N, C-alpha and C. Protein backbone atom coordinates (compact mmCIF):
# COMPACT_ATOMS: atom_id res chain seq x y z
N MET A 1 137.30 17.68 72.70
CA MET A 1 136.61 17.70 71.65
C MET A 1 137.17 15.97 70.61
N GLU A 2 136.07 15.69 70.69
CA GLU A 2 136.04 14.26 70.11
C GLU A 2 136.59 13.77 69.06
N LYS A 3 137.50 13.51 68.24
CA LYS A 3 138.02 13.39 67.11
C LYS A 3 137.26 13.26 66.46
N ILE A 4 137.01 13.15 65.00
CA ILE A 4 136.08 12.33 64.10
C ILE A 4 137.21 11.66 62.63
N VAL A 5 136.35 10.74 62.62
CA VAL A 5 137.13 9.89 61.50
C VAL A 5 137.13 10.18 59.93
N ILE A 6 137.83 10.49 59.44
CA ILE A 6 137.74 11.10 58.18
C ILE A 6 138.72 9.94 57.07
N GLY A 7 138.32 9.78 55.75
CA GLY A 7 138.85 8.92 54.67
C GLY A 7 139.68 10.09 53.83
N ARG A 8 140.87 8.87 53.33
CA ARG A 8 141.86 9.43 52.35
C ARG A 8 141.05 10.82 51.19
N VAL A 9 140.17 10.66 50.99
CA VAL A 9 139.40 11.51 49.89
C VAL A 9 138.08 11.66 50.27
N ASP A 10 137.60 13.15 50.10
CA ASP A 10 136.27 13.50 50.79
C ASP A 10 135.95 14.50 49.37
N LYS A 11 134.77 14.93 49.88
CA LYS A 11 133.79 16.05 49.36
C LYS A 11 133.70 17.12 50.25
N ALA A 12 133.87 18.44 50.32
CA ALA A 12 133.33 19.50 50.85
C ALA A 12 132.99 20.28 50.35
N ASP A 13 132.14 21.46 51.44
CA ASP A 13 131.24 22.80 51.14
C ASP A 13 132.15 23.70 51.73
N PHE A 14 132.56 24.91 51.20
CA PHE A 14 132.94 25.63 50.92
C PHE A 14 132.15 27.26 51.33
N PRO A 15 131.39 27.43 52.60
CA PRO A 15 130.42 28.15 52.35
C PRO A 15 130.71 29.53 52.28
N ALA A 16 131.85 30.07 52.48
CA ALA A 16 132.14 31.31 52.37
C ALA A 16 132.44 31.88 50.83
N LEU A 17 133.10 30.79 50.18
CA LEU A 17 133.12 30.98 48.82
C LEU A 17 132.50 30.73 47.81
N ARG A 18 131.11 29.68 48.51
CA ARG A 18 130.05 29.39 47.62
C ARG A 18 130.24 28.31 46.54
N LEU A 19 131.24 27.26 46.99
CA LEU A 19 131.69 26.06 46.87
C LEU A 19 130.92 24.94 47.21
N ASN A 20 130.24 23.97 46.56
CA ASN A 20 129.80 23.16 47.25
C ASN A 20 130.58 21.75 46.23
N ASP A 21 130.05 20.52 47.37
CA ASP A 21 130.86 18.93 46.83
C ASP A 21 131.86 18.79 46.32
N ILE A 22 133.21 20.08 46.68
CA ILE A 22 134.47 19.85 46.32
C ILE A 22 134.98 18.72 46.23
N ALA A 23 135.86 17.91 45.38
CA ALA A 23 136.94 17.12 45.79
C ALA A 23 137.90 17.25 46.58
N ILE A 24 138.17 16.84 47.90
CA ILE A 24 139.32 17.29 48.44
C ILE A 24 140.20 15.70 48.91
N LYS A 25 141.69 16.50 48.68
CA LYS A 25 142.44 14.52 49.40
C LYS A 25 142.82 15.16 51.13
N ILE A 26 142.87 14.40 51.42
CA ILE A 26 143.46 14.49 52.86
C ILE A 26 145.06 14.01 52.71
N ASP A 27 145.97 15.03 53.34
CA ASP A 27 147.43 14.72 53.37
C ASP A 27 148.00 14.95 54.47
N THR A 28 147.97 14.18 55.38
CA THR A 28 148.69 14.26 56.20
C THR A 28 150.53 14.66 56.60
N GLY A 29 150.89 14.36 55.29
CA GLY A 29 152.46 14.96 55.12
C GLY A 29 152.39 16.46 54.68
N ALA A 30 151.50 16.92 54.87
CA ALA A 30 151.41 18.00 54.46
C ALA A 30 150.88 19.06 55.14
N TYR A 31 151.49 20.41 55.54
CA TYR A 31 151.21 20.93 56.92
C TYR A 31 150.07 22.00 56.58
N THR A 32 150.10 22.66 55.51
CA THR A 32 149.28 23.59 55.11
C THR A 32 148.15 23.12 54.26
N SER A 33 147.08 23.56 54.52
CA SER A 33 145.74 23.22 53.75
C SER A 33 145.83 24.08 52.03
N SER A 34 145.75 23.51 50.88
CA SER A 34 145.61 24.65 49.67
C SER A 34 144.49 24.22 48.66
N ILE A 35 144.11 25.42 47.71
CA ILE A 35 143.30 25.14 47.22
C ILE A 35 143.55 25.50 45.39
N HIS A 36 143.24 24.97 44.53
CA HIS A 36 143.80 24.95 43.43
C HIS A 36 143.15 26.21 42.68
N CYS A 37 144.21 27.34 42.75
CA CYS A 37 143.69 28.69 41.65
C CYS A 37 145.20 29.18 40.67
N GLU A 38 144.55 29.82 39.76
CA GLU A 38 145.63 30.42 39.04
C GLU A 38 145.06 32.32 38.63
N ASN A 39 145.96 32.78 38.02
CA ASN A 39 146.04 34.00 37.90
C ASN A 39 145.51 34.70 38.95
N ILE A 40 146.94 34.28 39.76
CA ILE A 40 146.59 34.94 41.05
C ILE A 40 147.41 36.74 41.10
N VAL A 41 146.53 38.09 41.42
CA VAL A 41 147.15 39.11 41.36
C VAL A 41 146.85 39.93 42.37
N GLU A 42 147.77 40.79 42.55
CA GLU A 42 147.52 41.58 43.92
C GLU A 42 147.10 42.87 42.81
N LYS A 43 146.03 43.46 43.30
CA LYS A 43 145.43 44.77 42.50
C LYS A 43 144.53 45.36 42.94
N GLU A 44 144.38 46.70 43.72
CA GLU A 44 143.26 47.78 44.16
C GLU A 44 143.11 47.11 45.42
N ASP A 45 144.10 46.98 46.09
CA ASP A 45 144.17 46.41 47.77
C ASP A 45 143.32 44.95 48.09
N ALA A 46 143.20 44.18 47.16
CA ALA A 46 142.96 43.07 47.22
C ALA A 46 143.34 41.65 46.12
N LEU A 47 143.34 40.75 46.72
CA LEU A 47 144.21 39.63 45.89
C LEU A 47 143.11 39.09 44.68
N HIS A 48 143.13 39.11 43.97
CA HIS A 48 141.74 38.90 42.52
C HIS A 48 142.67 37.07 42.12
N CYS A 49 141.85 36.29 41.96
CA CYS A 49 142.24 34.96 41.60
C CYS A 49 141.23 34.09 41.14
N THR A 50 141.77 32.84 40.31
CA THR A 50 140.56 31.92 39.75
C THR A 50 140.59 30.76 39.81
N PHE A 51 139.52 30.43 40.77
CA PHE A 51 139.41 28.84 41.25
C PHE A 51 139.57 27.79 39.96
N LEU A 52 139.78 26.76 39.87
CA LEU A 52 140.19 25.89 38.55
C LEU A 52 139.49 24.57 39.19
N ASP A 53 138.42 23.87 38.46
CA ASP A 53 138.03 22.34 39.42
C ASP A 53 137.08 22.10 37.63
N ASP A 54 137.61 21.34 37.15
CA ASP A 54 137.21 20.98 35.67
C ASP A 54 136.13 19.74 35.70
N GLU A 55 135.85 19.18 37.30
CA GLU A 55 134.71 18.86 37.58
C GLU A 55 133.25 19.11 37.56
N HIS A 56 133.41 20.58 38.02
CA HIS A 56 132.40 21.22 38.12
C HIS A 56 132.45 22.54 37.37
N PRO A 57 131.59 22.38 36.48
CA PRO A 57 131.61 23.48 35.34
C PRO A 57 130.74 24.80 35.92
N LEU A 58 130.15 24.52 36.65
CA LEU A 58 129.76 25.43 37.69
C LEU A 58 130.47 26.63 38.25
N TYR A 59 131.41 25.82 38.82
CA TYR A 59 132.54 26.78 39.69
C TYR A 59 133.76 26.60 38.91
N ASN A 60 134.03 26.32 38.20
CA ASN A 60 135.35 25.94 37.04
C ASN A 60 135.33 27.35 36.39
N LYS A 61 136.60 28.33 37.00
CA LYS A 61 136.83 29.57 36.83
C LYS A 61 136.17 30.89 37.00
N LYS A 62 135.63 30.61 38.28
CA LYS A 62 134.95 31.10 39.06
C LYS A 62 136.09 32.35 40.13
N GLU A 63 135.56 33.29 39.90
CA GLU A 63 136.71 34.45 40.23
C GLU A 63 136.68 34.93 41.46
N PHE A 64 137.52 35.04 42.25
CA PHE A 64 137.06 35.52 43.91
C PHE A 64 138.13 36.46 43.94
N VAL A 65 138.09 37.32 44.85
CA VAL A 65 138.59 38.57 45.43
C VAL A 65 138.67 38.68 47.05
N PHE A 66 139.90 38.60 47.54
CA PHE A 66 140.30 38.47 48.59
C PHE A 66 140.60 39.69 49.11
N GLU A 67 139.99 40.29 50.02
CA GLU A 67 140.59 41.59 50.82
C GLU A 67 141.41 41.82 51.78
N ASN A 68 141.44 40.28 52.53
CA ASN A 68 142.10 39.99 53.62
C ASN A 68 143.32 38.53 53.55
N TYR A 69 144.50 38.77 53.40
CA TYR A 69 145.49 37.73 52.75
C TYR A 69 146.83 37.94 53.70
N ASP A 70 147.45 36.82 53.23
CA ASP A 70 148.88 37.23 53.72
C ASP A 70 149.77 36.38 52.79
N ILE A 71 150.71 36.75 52.64
CA ILE A 71 152.14 36.06 51.91
C ILE A 71 152.73 35.04 52.87
N VAL A 72 153.00 34.07 52.84
CA VAL A 72 153.60 32.47 53.17
C VAL A 72 154.33 32.21 52.34
N PHE A 73 156.10 31.57 53.00
CA PHE A 73 156.77 30.53 52.38
C PHE A 73 155.82 28.91 52.41
N VAL A 74 156.01 28.31 51.61
CA VAL A 74 155.50 27.07 52.02
C VAL A 74 156.69 26.26 50.97
N ARG A 75 157.43 25.05 51.75
CA ARG A 75 158.23 23.95 51.10
C ARG A 75 156.99 23.12 50.71
N SER A 76 157.08 22.85 49.48
CA SER A 76 156.44 21.31 48.70
C SER A 76 157.09 20.65 48.69
N SER A 77 156.51 19.56 48.25
CA SER A 77 156.90 18.52 48.66
C SER A 77 158.09 17.63 48.04
N ASN A 78 158.56 18.40 47.36
CA ASN A 78 159.86 18.26 46.67
C ASN A 78 160.74 19.26 46.63
N GLY A 79 160.43 19.83 48.23
CA GLY A 79 161.65 20.61 49.06
C GLY A 79 161.82 21.97 48.45
N ILE A 80 161.56 22.29 47.02
CA ILE A 80 161.53 23.61 46.68
C ILE A 80 160.52 24.85 47.85
N ILE A 81 161.09 25.93 48.19
CA ILE A 81 160.00 26.89 49.01
C ILE A 81 159.63 27.92 48.37
N GLN A 82 158.06 27.82 47.85
CA GLN A 82 157.16 28.83 47.57
C GLN A 82 156.36 29.72 48.07
N LYS A 83 156.54 31.42 47.59
CA LYS A 83 155.88 32.16 48.23
C LYS A 83 154.51 31.89 47.25
N ARG A 84 153.36 31.67 48.83
CA ARG A 84 152.17 31.79 47.94
C ARG A 84 151.34 32.72 49.02
N TYR A 85 150.26 33.01 48.71
CA TYR A 85 149.02 34.05 49.52
C TYR A 85 148.13 33.09 50.26
N MET A 86 148.10 33.12 51.28
CA MET A 86 147.19 32.73 52.42
C MET A 86 145.84 33.59 52.57
N VAL A 87 144.57 32.66 52.38
CA VAL A 87 143.48 33.52 52.59
C VAL A 87 142.68 32.55 54.03
N GLN A 88 141.84 33.33 54.26
CA GLN A 88 141.50 32.61 55.57
C GLN A 88 139.65 32.68 55.15
N SER A 89 139.32 31.04 55.37
CA SER A 89 137.73 30.65 54.86
C SER A 89 137.01 29.70 56.13
N ASN A 90 136.06 28.80 55.57
CA ASN A 90 135.64 27.59 56.02
C ASN A 90 135.46 26.58 55.48
N ILE A 91 134.94 25.66 56.19
CA ILE A 91 134.95 24.37 55.21
C ILE A 91 134.05 23.58 55.96
N LYS A 92 132.97 23.00 55.17
CA LYS A 92 131.98 22.47 55.87
C LYS A 92 132.21 20.48 55.71
N LEU A 93 132.45 19.76 56.76
CA LEU A 93 132.44 18.71 56.79
C LEU A 93 131.52 17.80 58.10
N PHE A 94 131.23 16.57 57.56
CA PHE A 94 130.29 16.25 58.74
C PHE A 94 129.21 16.98 59.61
N ASN A 95 128.80 17.80 58.14
CA ASN A 95 127.34 19.05 59.14
C ASN A 95 128.37 19.98 59.68
N LYS A 96 129.34 20.15 59.96
CA LYS A 96 129.80 20.97 61.00
C LYS A 96 130.51 22.39 59.93
N ILE A 97 131.13 23.32 60.63
CA ILE A 97 131.70 24.65 59.80
C ILE A 97 132.97 24.97 60.45
N PHE A 98 134.05 24.33 59.92
CA PHE A 98 135.25 24.86 60.72
C PHE A 98 136.07 26.09 60.04
N LYS A 99 136.74 26.96 60.73
CA LYS A 99 137.39 27.92 60.10
C LYS A 99 139.01 27.07 59.11
N ILE A 100 139.24 27.66 58.16
CA ILE A 100 140.41 26.86 57.87
C ILE A 100 141.43 27.85 56.73
N SER A 101 142.73 27.82 56.79
CA SER A 101 143.55 28.68 56.45
C SER A 101 144.11 27.89 54.63
N LEU A 102 143.67 28.40 53.58
CA LEU A 102 144.00 28.11 52.64
C LEU A 102 145.25 28.76 51.52
N SER A 103 146.18 28.40 51.42
CA SER A 103 147.29 28.82 50.62
C SER A 103 146.96 28.45 49.12
N LEU A 104 146.77 29.77 48.15
CA LEU A 104 146.29 29.61 46.83
C LEU A 104 147.65 29.24 46.10
N SER A 105 147.42 28.08 45.24
CA SER A 105 148.33 27.21 44.91
C SER A 105 147.72 26.51 43.02
N ASP A 106 148.42 26.42 42.41
CA ASP A 106 148.68 26.24 40.95
C ASP A 106 148.69 24.96 41.50
N ARG A 107 147.23 23.97 41.16
CA ARG A 107 147.33 22.62 41.42
C ARG A 107 147.11 21.60 39.98
N GLN A 108 147.41 22.48 38.97
CA GLN A 108 147.27 21.76 37.73
C GLN A 108 147.16 20.74 37.55
N GLU A 109 148.95 19.92 37.86
CA GLU A 109 149.09 18.65 38.19
C GLU A 109 148.54 17.80 39.03
N MET A 110 147.77 18.41 39.59
CA MET A 110 147.19 17.39 41.18
C MET A 110 145.60 17.07 40.67
N ARG A 111 145.18 16.21 41.28
CA ARG A 111 144.03 15.18 40.54
C ARG A 111 143.00 15.94 41.45
N TYR A 112 143.29 16.36 42.80
CA TYR A 112 142.08 16.98 43.71
C TYR A 112 142.51 18.50 43.99
N PRO A 113 141.36 19.32 43.33
CA PRO A 113 141.62 20.52 43.42
C PRO A 113 141.93 21.14 45.08
N VAL A 114 141.86 20.64 45.79
CA VAL A 114 141.75 20.96 47.43
C VAL A 114 142.48 20.04 48.00
N LEU A 115 143.73 20.48 48.62
CA LEU A 115 144.22 19.64 49.43
C LEU A 115 144.27 20.16 51.31
N ILE A 116 144.13 19.06 51.79
CA ILE A 116 143.74 19.39 53.28
C ILE A 116 144.96 19.06 54.14
N GLY A 117 145.58 19.73 55.14
CA GLY A 117 147.31 19.26 55.50
C GLY A 117 146.66 19.45 57.30
N ARG A 118 147.97 18.71 58.06
CA ARG A 118 147.92 18.43 59.18
C ARG A 118 147.03 19.73 60.14
N LYS A 119 147.71 20.65 59.74
CA LYS A 119 147.38 21.99 60.30
C LYS A 119 145.63 22.50 60.80
N PHE A 120 145.05 21.90 59.98
CA PHE A 120 143.86 22.12 59.78
C PHE A 120 143.13 20.63 60.81
N LEU A 121 144.15 19.41 60.24
CA LEU A 121 143.13 18.02 60.62
C LEU A 121 143.54 17.90 62.40
N THR A 122 144.63 18.67 62.68
CA THR A 122 145.11 18.47 64.08
C THR A 122 144.34 18.80 65.03
N LYS A 123 143.96 17.58 65.99
CA LYS A 123 143.05 17.92 67.25
C LYS A 123 141.60 18.02 66.79
N LYS A 124 141.03 17.43 65.76
CA LYS A 124 139.64 17.36 65.15
C LYS A 124 139.51 16.34 64.41
N PHE A 125 140.52 15.66 63.33
CA PHE A 125 139.98 14.48 63.02
C PHE A 125 141.30 13.13 63.11
N ILE A 126 141.10 12.01 62.66
CA ILE A 126 141.86 10.58 62.52
C ILE A 126 141.78 10.28 60.99
N VAL A 127 143.05 10.15 60.47
CA VAL A 127 142.74 9.69 58.89
C VAL A 127 142.75 8.16 59.14
N ASP A 128 141.99 7.47 58.45
CA ASP A 128 141.53 6.06 58.13
C ASP A 128 141.73 6.24 56.78
N THR A 129 142.95 6.00 56.45
CA THR A 129 142.87 5.93 54.91
C THR A 129 142.21 4.92 53.86
N GLU A 130 141.84 3.37 54.28
CA GLU A 130 140.84 3.03 54.23
C GLU A 130 139.43 3.84 53.29
N LEU A 131 139.34 4.60 54.16
CA LEU A 131 137.65 5.21 54.16
C LEU A 131 137.71 6.24 52.63
N LEU A 132 136.71 6.31 52.29
CA LEU A 132 136.51 7.49 51.07
C LEU A 132 135.37 8.07 51.01
N GLU A 133 135.45 9.22 51.35
CA GLU A 133 133.96 10.16 51.04
C GLU A 133 133.12 9.94 52.51
N VAL A 134 133.53 10.03 53.53
CA VAL A 134 133.13 9.69 55.01
C VAL A 134 131.52 10.58 55.41
N SER A 135 132.68 11.90 54.96
CA SER A 135 131.59 13.07 55.16
C SER A 135 130.49 13.45 54.19
N PHE A 136 130.97 12.81 52.67
CA PHE A 136 130.01 13.46 51.81
C PHE A 136 128.74 12.50 51.97
N ASN A 137 129.46 10.89 52.20
CA ASN A 137 127.72 10.21 52.46
C ASN A 137 127.36 10.46 53.67
N HIS A 138 127.59 11.15 54.73
CA HIS A 138 127.22 11.62 55.93
C HIS A 138 126.22 12.51 55.13
N LYS A 139 126.40 13.41 54.31
CA LYS A 139 125.69 14.57 53.98
C LYS A 139 124.47 13.81 53.33
N LEU A 140 124.85 12.65 52.06
CA LEU A 140 123.69 12.07 51.48
C LEU A 140 122.69 11.57 52.31
N ASP A 141 123.54 10.88 53.48
CA ASP A 141 122.08 10.04 53.59
C ASP A 141 121.52 11.00 54.99
N GLU A 142 121.63 12.24 55.14
CA GLU A 142 120.88 13.14 56.29
C GLU A 142 119.88 13.65 54.84
N ASP A 143 120.71 14.11 53.76
CA ASP A 143 119.61 14.62 52.98
C ASP A 143 118.32 13.68 52.24
N LYS A 144 118.83 12.14 52.33
CA LYS A 144 117.31 11.03 52.47
C LYS A 144 116.44 11.30 53.70
N ASN A 145 117.54 11.55 54.71
CA ASN A 145 116.54 11.38 55.76
C ASN A 145 115.88 12.70 55.85
N THR A 146 116.09 13.93 54.85
CA THR A 146 115.54 15.01 55.68
C THR A 146 113.78 14.93 54.09
N ILE A 147 114.16 14.36 53.48
CA ILE A 147 113.19 14.31 52.19
C ILE A 147 111.97 13.63 53.30
N GLN A 148 110.73 14.55 53.09
CA GLN A 148 109.34 14.16 53.48
C GLN A 148 108.56 13.39 53.03
N LYS A 149 107.73 12.16 53.17
CA LYS A 149 106.94 11.36 52.22
C LYS A 149 105.64 12.32 52.24
N PRO A 150 105.21 12.23 50.95
CA PRO A 150 103.46 12.82 51.13
C PRO A 150 102.60 11.81 51.63
């Protein structure tokens, strides 16, 4: 598979979660990918949580229920090991849909609601830190080209 060049930040769609144009940060220092959620609770044989993204009023505080999930232990950038829930989903970048594992994490102090780590990037992408929103701009260009003139 030929690797795709991606920038340090972008916007992605998460079709299974019905989220579009969500800001993502590419972080080659992180192994796992994570999504910003709060109120993460196991109840009735499912995992319930609330997605947080102030930039998207339509999605901010959107509730998710995951029937399939795992518990993992993740070492954060400050060296502290945290217990997190991991869910399987998909992400759309460059008009392609990829499977992705996302840990549910309170990223309130962070600027981006989604962090994309090495586990997802490996064998698919090359990161050019000078570039921004390459996939999102590609999506906008495709949308412009599909508009029919009368």
